[in-house]
Amino acid sequence: MAIGERIRFFRTMRGMTQKYLGMLLGFPEKSADVRLAQYEMGTRSPKAEITAALAQALDVSPLALTVPDIDSYIGLAHTLFALEDIYGLTVSETDGTVCLKVNADKGKDAAELLQMLTAWKAQADKLAVGEISREDYDNWRYHYPKYDDTEIRATAPPKELSDTLVEAFKDKLNGR
């Protein structure tokens, strides 16, 4: 699905008009709907800063808007083939049903994909048993990995803090 279709999908889901969303982005009222229509129809592609603003206005991750172009079955197939090459995705059969599996032995990227899929399955299972609502499930998906609590993600300290620590321990680092 191209970015324009994703914009339309989320805009409609949020109950917004093209004009309203365009005005949220700061486009003049006269042309706000035209500009959004151009993005949605694919005649214009939003630049990175517009994509970020769209994501914020639509309350989704920018990555939810910029999914690979899988508009055709051939495009989808090649996306899956690339996932096989990069992440160790394999096709197999279990109980007469074709399924996709991740070969975690393929390397770090495959292990990361498996971890992500496991987190996704956990949310889907919660939805299936009524532990979470469809809205909660969609919120988790459209903001991934923001609300993923299945793993602890380390974040780097701000550069200012890092520089301060390096300066404070400079003598020790130089063997003094």
Protein backbone atom coordinates (compact mmCIF):
# COMPACT_ATOMS: atom_id res chain seq x y z
CA MET A 1 0.00 0.00 0.00
CA ALA A 2 1.45 3.35 -1.06
CA ILE A 3 1.82 6.29 1.32
CA GLY A 4 -1.19 8.09 -0.22
CA GLU A 5 -3.45 5.15 0.55
CA ARG A 6 -2.11 5.01 4.11
CA ILE A 7 -2.78 8.74 4.57
CA ARG A 8 -6.36 8.28 3.32
CA PHE A 9 -6.83 5.19 5.51
CA PHE A 10 -5.76 6.94 8.71
CA ARG A 11 -7.48 10.24 7.83
CA THR A 12 -10.78 8.42 7.26
CA MET A 13 -10.29 6.35 10.40
CA ARG A 14 -9.82 9.58 12.39
CA GLY A 15 -12.91 11.15 10.78
CA MET A 16 -10.96 14.02 9.24
CA THR A 17 -11.63 15.79 5.97
CA GLN A 18 -8.80 16.51 3.55
CA LYS A 19 -9.25 20.23 4.17
CA TYR A 20 -9.09 19.81 7.97
CA LEU A 21 -5.95 17.67 7.84
CA GLY A 22 -4.31 20.01 5.34
CA MET A 23 -5.01 22.97 7.58
CA LEU A 24 -3.55 21.08 10.58
CA LEU A 25 -0.38 20.78 8.52
CA GLY A 26 -0.36 24.52 7.96
CA PHE A 27 -1.52 24.66 4.33
CA PRO A 28 -3.71 27.65 3.41
CA GLU A 29 -7.43 26.98 3.72
CA LYS A 30 -7.98 27.55 -0.02
CA SER A 31 -5.55 24.80 -1.06
CA ALA A 32 -5.43 22.48 1.96
CA ASP A 33 -7.82 19.90 0.50
CA VAL A 34 -6.15 20.00 -2.92
CA ARG A 35 -2.73 19.38 -1.39
CA LEU A 36 -4.00 16.42 0.64
CA ALA A 37 -5.80 15.02 -2.42
CA GLN A 38 -2.50 15.18 -4.32
CA TYR A 39 -0.77 13.15 -1.61
CA GLU A 40 -3.60 10.64 -1.38
CA MET A 41 -3.80 10.20 -5.17
CA GLY A 42 -0.02 9.81 -5.43
CA THR A 43 0.49 12.77 -7.76
CA ARG A 44 2.72 14.33 -5.07
CA SER A 45 4.87 12.62 -2.46
CA PRO A 46 5.20 14.30 0.93
CA LYS A 47 8.72 15.21 1.99
CA ALA A 48 10.07 13.77 5.24
CA GLU A 49 9.02 16.77 7.36
CA ILE A 50 5.46 16.66 5.94
CA THR A 51 5.32 12.90 6.53
CA ALA A 52 6.36 13.50 10.15
CA ALA A 53 3.70 16.21 10.53
CA LEU A 54 1.06 13.95 8.95
CA ALA A 55 1.96 11.16 11.34
CA GLN A 56 1.65 13.50 14.30
CA ALA A 57 -1.69 14.90 13.12
CA LEU A 58 -3.01 11.39 12.46
CA ASP A 59 -1.59 10.08 15.77
CA VAL A 60 0.48 7.28 14.23
CA SER A 61 4.15 6.51 13.83
CA PRO A 62 5.68 7.90 10.62
CA LEU A 63 6.61 4.30 9.85
CA ALA A 64 2.90 3.42 9.73
CA LEU A 65 2.58 5.80 6.78
CA THR A 66 5.68 4.78 4.87
CA VAL A 67 5.11 1.05 4.53
CA PRO A 68 6.62 -0.69 1.48
CA ASP A 69 4.63 -0.45 -1.73
CA ILE A 70 2.73 -3.74 -1.85
CA ASP A 71 -0.07 -2.65 -4.14
CA SER A 72 0.30 -5.69 -6.38
CA TYR A 73 0.66 -9.37 -5.61
CA ILE A 74 3.98 -9.34 -7.46
CA GLY A 75 5.20 -6.42 -5.33
CA LEU A 76 4.05 -8.24 -2.20
CA ALA A 77 5.82 -11.42 -3.32
CA HIS A 78 9.08 -9.53 -3.86
CA THR A 79 8.71 -7.89 -0.45
CA LEU A 80 8.40 -11.37 1.08
CA PHE A 81 11.41 -12.58 -0.93
CA ALA A 82 13.44 -9.66 0.43
CA LEU A 83 12.33 -10.59 3.95
CA GLU A 84 13.60 -14.09 3.30
CA ASP A 85 16.98 -12.76 2.22
CA ILE A 86 17.37 -10.22 5.01
CA TYR A 87 15.50 -11.72 7.95
CA GLY A 88 15.40 -15.45 7.33
CA LEU A 89 11.67 -15.58 6.63
CA THR A 90 10.75 -19.01 5.27
CA VAL A 91 7.62 -20.49 3.78
CA SER A 92 6.50 -23.90 4.99
CA GLU A 93 3.42 -25.98 5.63
CA THR A 94 1.94 -26.95 8.96
CA ASP A 95 -1.17 -29.12 9.23
CA GLY A 96 -1.99 -28.50 5.55
CA THR A 97 -1.75 -24.72 5.90
CA VAL A 98 0.95 -22.63 4.26
CA CYS A 99 2.64 -20.42 6.83
CA LEU A 100 5.57 -18.09 7.19
CA LYS A 101 8.26 -18.73 9.76
CA VAL A 102 11.36 -16.92 10.90
CA ASN A 103 14.64 -18.77 11.06
CA ALA A 104 16.22 -17.09 14.09
CA ASP A 105 19.52 -18.81 13.25
CA LYS A 106 19.82 -16.50 10.22
CA GLY A 107 21.35 -13.85 12.49
CA LYS A 108 20.62 -10.80 14.61
CA ASP A 109 18.10 -9.31 12.18
CA ALA A 110 16.13 -12.57 12.08
CA ALA A 111 16.11 -12.72 15.87
CA GLU A 112 14.81 -9.14 16.00
CA LEU A 113 12.04 -9.97 13.50
CA LEU A 114 11.08 -13.03 15.52
CA GLN A 115 10.92 -10.92 18.67
CA MET A 116 8.71 -8.35 16.91
CA LEU A 117 6.38 -11.05 15.56
CA THR A 118 6.16 -12.63 19.01
CA ALA A 119 5.14 -9.26 20.50
CA TRP A 120 2.57 -8.83 17.73
CA LYS A 121 1.14 -12.30 18.38
CA ALA A 122 0.89 -11.50 22.10
CA GLN A 123 -1.22 -8.42 21.29
CA ALA A 124 -3.35 -10.38 18.79
CA ASP A 125 -3.93 -13.06 21.44
CA LYS A 126 -5.01 -10.40 23.96
CA LEU A 127 -7.47 -9.04 21.41
CA ALA A 128 -8.82 -12.53 20.65
CA VAL A 129 -9.66 -13.22 24.30
CA GLY A 130 -11.05 -9.74 24.95
CA GLU A 131 -8.22 -8.63 27.21
CA ILE A 132 -7.78 -5.51 25.07
CA SER A 133 -10.12 -3.66 22.71
CA ARG A 134 -9.70 -3.37 18.95
CA GLU A 135 -8.84 0.29 19.53
CA ASP A 136 -6.04 -0.68 21.94
CA TYR A 137 -4.77 -3.28 19.48
CA ASP A 138 -4.76 -0.82 16.58
CA ASN A 139 -3.11 1.81 18.76
CA TRP A 140 -0.35 -0.68 19.58
CA ARG A 141 0.14 -1.54 15.89
CA TYR A 142 0.03 2.01 14.54
CA HIS A 143 2.54 3.27 17.11
CA TYR A 144 4.84 0.25 17.16
CA PRO A 145 7.28 0.04 18.92
CA LYS A 146 6.19 2.88 21.21
CA TYR A 147 3.79 0.77 23.29
CA ASP A 148 5.63 -2.53 23.02
CA ASP A 149 6.42 -3.67 26.54
CA THR A 150 7.76 -7.12 25.68
CA GLU A 151 11.36 -5.98 25.76
CA ILE A 152 13.41 -3.31 27.42
CA ARG A 153 14.93 -0.92 24.93
CA ALA A 154 18.05 0.93 25.97
CA THR A 155 18.40 4.52 24.94
CA ALA A 156 21.62 6.44 24.56
CA PRO A 157 22.17 9.35 26.93
CA PRO A 158 21.92 12.85 25.46
CA LYS A 159 25.13 14.06 23.82
CA GLU A 160 25.54 16.81 26.43
CA LEU A 161 25.54 14.25 29.26
CA SER A 162 27.91 12.00 27.38
CA ASP A 163 30.31 14.87 26.72
CA THR A 164 30.15 15.91 30.38
CA LEU A 165 30.97 12.39 31.56
CA VAL A 166 33.85 12.07 29.11
CA GLU A 167 35.25 15.40 30.33
CA ALA A 168 34.84 14.42 33.99
CA PHE A 169 36.71 11.14 33.47
CA LYS A 170 39.23 12.38 30.89
CA ASP A 171 42.19 11.92 33.24
CA LYS A 172 41.19 8.33 34.01
CA LEU A 173 40.63 7.58 30.35
CA ASN A 174 44.15 8.83 29.52
CA GLY A 175 45.65 6.55 32.20
CA ARG A 176 46.39 9.24 34.77
